[in-house]
C-alpha atoms as a PDB file:
ATOM      1  CA  MET A   1     -30.399  -4.450  -9.265  1.00  0.00           C
ATOM      2  CA  GLY A   2     -27.447  -1.333  -7.960  1.00  0.00           C
ATOM      3  CA  PHE A   3     -25.835   1.486 -10.462  1.00  0.00           C
ATOM      4  CA  GLY A   4     -22.396   1.240  -8.622  1.00  0.00           C
ATOM      5  CA  TRP A   5     -20.460   1.564 -10.232  1.00  0.00           C
ATOM      6  CA  ASN A   6     -17.973  -1.834 -10.774  1.00  0.00           C
ATOM      7  CA  TRP A   7     -14.361   0.056 -11.606  1.00  0.00           C
ATOM      8  CA  GLY A   8     -13.104  -3.061 -12.066  1.00  0.00           C
ATOM      9  CA  ALA A   9      -8.977  -4.766 -11.636  1.00  0.00           C
ATOM     10  CA  ALA A  10      -7.320  -1.928 -13.435  1.00  0.00           C
ATOM     11  CA  ASP A  11      -8.196   0.565 -10.487  1.00  0.00           C
ATOM     12  CA  GLU A  12      -7.729  -2.236  -8.001  1.00  0.00           C
ATOM     13  CA  GLU A  13      -4.454  -2.644 -10.233  1.00  0.00           C
ATOM     14  CA  ASP A  14      -2.840   0.561  -9.530  1.00  0.00           C
ATOM     15  CA  PHE A  15      -3.513   0.964  -6.649  1.00  0.00           C
ATOM     16  CA  LEU A  16      -1.536  -2.011  -5.198  1.00  0.00           C
ATOM     17  CA  LEU A  17       0.991  -1.691  -7.418  1.00  0.00           C
ATOM     18  CA  THR A  18       0.626   2.584  -5.848  1.00  0.00           C
ATOM     19  CA  LYS A  19       0.901   0.971  -2.464  1.00  0.00           C
ATOM     20  CA  ALA A  20       3.524  -1.427  -3.361  1.00  0.00           C
ATOM     21  CA  VAL A  21       5.620   1.623  -4.866  1.00  0.00           C
ATOM     22  CA  ARG A  22       5.936   3.628  -2.864  1.00  0.00           C
ATOM     23  CA  GLY A  23       5.915   1.137   0.189  1.00  0.00           C
ATOM     24  CA  THR A  24       3.311   1.874   2.342  1.00  0.00           C
ATOM     25  CA  SER A  25       0.280   0.132   3.863  1.00  0.00           C
ATOM     26  CA  ASP A  26      -2.942   0.572   2.375  1.00  0.00           C
ATOM     27  CA  TYR A  27      -4.019   2.676   5.303  1.00  0.00           C
ATOM     28  CA  GLN A  28      -1.848   5.049   5.031  1.00  0.00           C
ATOM     29  CA  ILE A  29      -2.934   5.683   1.025  1.00  0.00           C
ATOM     30  CA  PHE A  30      -5.721   6.023   2.106  1.00  0.00           C
ATOM     31  CA  LEU A  31      -4.740   9.059   3.738  1.00  0.00           C
ATOM     32  CA  ASP A  32      -2.153   9.871   1.720  1.00  0.00           C
ATOM     33  CA  ALA A  33      -5.766  10.034  -1.207  1.00  0.00           C
ATOM     34  CA  TYR A  34      -8.054  11.999   1.246  1.00  0.00           C
ATOM     35  CA  SER A  35      -5.774  14.885   1.585  1.00  0.00           C
ATOM     36  CA  ASP A  36      -4.871  14.862  -2.331  1.00  0.00           C
ATOM     37  CA  TRP A  37      -8.261  14.980  -3.555  1.00  0.00           C
ATOM     38  CA  TYR A  38     -10.196  17.445  -0.205  1.00  0.00           C
ATOM     39  CA  GLY A  39      -7.054  19.395   1.129  1.00  0.00           C
ATOM     40  CA  HIS A  40      -6.959  18.758   4.058  1.00  0.00           C
ATOM     41  CA  GLU A  41      -5.679  15.475   6.943  1.00  0.00           C
ATOM     42  CA  ALA A  42      -8.948  13.236   7.752  1.00  0.00           C
ATOM     43  CA  ALA A  43     -10.939  12.831  10.645  1.00  0.00           C
ATOM     44  CA  SER A  44      -9.523  10.028  11.460  1.00  0.00           C
ATOM     45  CA  ASP A  45     -13.298   8.539  12.143  1.00  0.00           C
ATOM     46  CA  VAL A  46     -13.677   9.229   8.723  1.00  0.00           C
ATOM     47  CA  ILE A  47     -10.687   7.506   7.668  1.00  0.00           C
ATOM     48  CA  ASP A  48     -11.615   4.803   9.942  1.00  0.00           C
ATOM     49  CA  GLY A  49     -15.153   5.112   8.320  1.00  0.00           C
ATOM     50  CA  VAL A  50     -13.710   4.906   4.848  1.00  0.00           C
ATOM     51  CA  PHE A  51     -11.675   3.062   5.311  1.00  0.00           C
ATOM     52  CA  GLY A  52     -13.606   0.086   7.077  1.00  0.00           C
ATOM     53  CA  ASP A  53     -16.442  -0.530   4.422  1.00  0.00           C
ATOM     54  CA  TYR A  54     -13.374  -0.847   1.949  1.00  0.00           C
ATOM     55  CA  LEU A  55     -12.393  -3.881   4.166  1.00  0.00           C
ATOM     56  CA  LYS A  56     -16.027  -4.763   4.314  1.00  0.00           C
ATOM     57  CA  THR A  57     -16.564  -4.619   0.555  1.00  0.00           C
ATOM     58  CA  GLY A  58     -13.291  -3.991  -1.419  1.00  0.00           C
ATOM     59  CA  GLU A  59     -14.768  -1.706  -3.731  1.00  0.00           C
ATOM     60  CA  LEU A  60     -11.524   1.666  -3.020  1.00  0.00           C
ATOM     61  CA  PRO A  61     -13.605   4.787  -2.887  1.00  0.00           C
ATOM     62  CA  HIS A  62     -12.998   7.422  -5.588  1.00  0.00           C
ATOM     63  CA  PHE A  63     -10.061  10.328  -3.839  1.00  0.00           C
ATOM     64  CA  VAL A  64      -8.639   6.520  -3.639  1.00  0.00           C
ATOM     65  CA  ARG A  65      -8.935   5.506  -6.396  1.00  0.00           C
ATOM     66  CA  HIS A  66      -7.567   9.539  -8.599  1.00  0.00           C
ATOM     67  CA  TYR A  67      -5.045   9.102  -6.157  1.00  0.00           C
ATOM     68  CA  ALA A  68      -3.638   6.150  -7.806  1.00  0.00           C
ATOM     69  CA  ARG A  69      -4.461   6.278 -10.858  1.00  0.00           C
ATOM     70  CA  ARG A  70      -2.736   9.891 -10.976  1.00  0.00           C
ATOM     71  CA  TYR A  71       0.620   8.525  -8.601  1.00  0.00           C
ATOM     72  CA  VAL A  72       0.730   5.034 -11.202  1.00  0.00           C
ATOM     73  CA  GLU A  73       0.413   7.454 -14.403  1.00  0.00           C
ATOM     74  CA  ALA A  74       4.108   9.549 -12.513  1.00  0.00           C
ATOM     75  CA  ASN A  75       5.581   6.505 -12.711  1.00  0.00           C
ATOM     76  CA  PRO A  76       5.368   5.244 -16.339  1.00  0.00           C
ATOM     77  CA  ASP A  77       7.548   2.604 -16.127  1.00  0.00           C
ATOM     78  CA  PRO A  78       5.810   0.469 -13.294  1.00  0.00           C
ATOM     79  CA  ALA A  79       8.097  -2.511 -13.747  1.00  0.00           C
ATOM     80  CA  GLN A  80      11.532  -0.865 -13.100  1.00  0.00           C
ATOM     81  CA  ALA A  81       9.477   0.181 -10.051  1.00  0.00           C
ATOM     82  CA  LEU A  82       8.981  -3.664  -8.358  1.00  0.00           C
ATOM     83  CA  ARG A  83      12.178  -4.280  -8.916  1.00  0.00           C
ATOM     84  CA  GLU A  84      12.817  -1.701  -7.043  1.00  0.00           C
ATOM     85  CA  TRP A  85       9.976  -2.849  -4.873  1.00  0.00           C
ATOM     86  CA  ASP A  86      11.538  -6.762  -5.397  1.00  0.00           C
ATOM     87  CA  ARG A  87      15.174  -5.912  -4.680  1.00  0.00           C
ATOM     88  CA  ARG A  88      14.137  -3.760  -1.200  1.00  0.00           C
ATOM     89  CA  ILE A  89      11.446  -7.060  -0.050  1.00  0.00           C
ATOM     90  CA  GLU A  90      14.649  -8.398  -1.037  1.00  0.00           C
ATOM     91  CA  ARG A  91      17.582  -6.916   1.803  1.00  0.00           C
ATOM     92  CA  ALA A  92      14.575  -7.158   4.492  1.00  0.00           C
ATOM     93  CA  GLN A  93      14.245 -10.583   3.838  1.00  0.00           C
ATOM     94  CA  ALA A  94      18.519 -11.210   4.081  1.00  0.00           C
ATOM     95  CA  ILE A  95      19.114  -8.611   6.856  1.00  0.00           C
ATOM     96  CA  ALA A  96      16.094 -10.610   9.216  1.00  0.00           C
ATOM     97  CA  PHE A  97      18.154 -14.033   8.179  1.00  0.00           C
ATOM     98  CA  GLY A  98      21.210 -12.080   9.380  1.00  0.00           C
ATOM     99  CA  THR A  99      19.097 -11.457  12.781  1.00  0.00           C
ATOM    100  CA  LEU A 100      18.473 -14.212  13.382  1.00  0.00           C
ATOM    101  CA  VAL A 101      21.557 -16.275  12.936  1.00  0.00           C
ATOM    102  CA  ILE A 102      23.207 -13.662  14.545  1.00  0.00           C
ATOM    103  CA  LEU A 103      19.999 -14.132  18.182  1.00  0.00           C
ATOM    104  CA  VAL A 104      20.410 -18.205  17.616  1.00  0.00           C
ATOM    105  CA  LEU A 105      25.156 -17.662  17.877  1.00  0.00           C
ATOM    106  CA  VAL A 106      24.347 -15.410  21.293  1.00  0.00           C
ATOM    107  CA  ALA A 107      21.476 -18.078  22.057  1.00  0.00           C
ATOM    108  CA  ILE A 108      23.888 -20.905  21.951  1.00  0.00           C
ATOM    109  CA  ALA A 109      26.316 -19.619  23.530  1.00  0.00           C
ATOM    110  CA  ILE A 110      24.335 -18.649  26.040  1.00  0.00           C
ATOM    111  CA  THR A 111      23.372 -22.297  26.853  1.00  0.00           C
END
């Protein structure tokens, strides 16, 4: 019988929303959250260990949960933030498609 906390879906949602709105990686959120909580940057072996534990267990550490909650509270319209994120993704996809078309045309012109 374990006595660990089950933080549930709300913390995971806050984490995912924070990551989506900021347009950054899980690892970067861990780095920023650590610095915010402890007041200094994490040593690479420390953050790598904590992040590795997260990858194995799926459990967010306390400082990441806190950081994500505060971020969501400071950005009260997550729907708007996600719409902005969707627009960024659409723009990136359009750029990637345009680049692919240009590469195909160049390849055809060369051959």
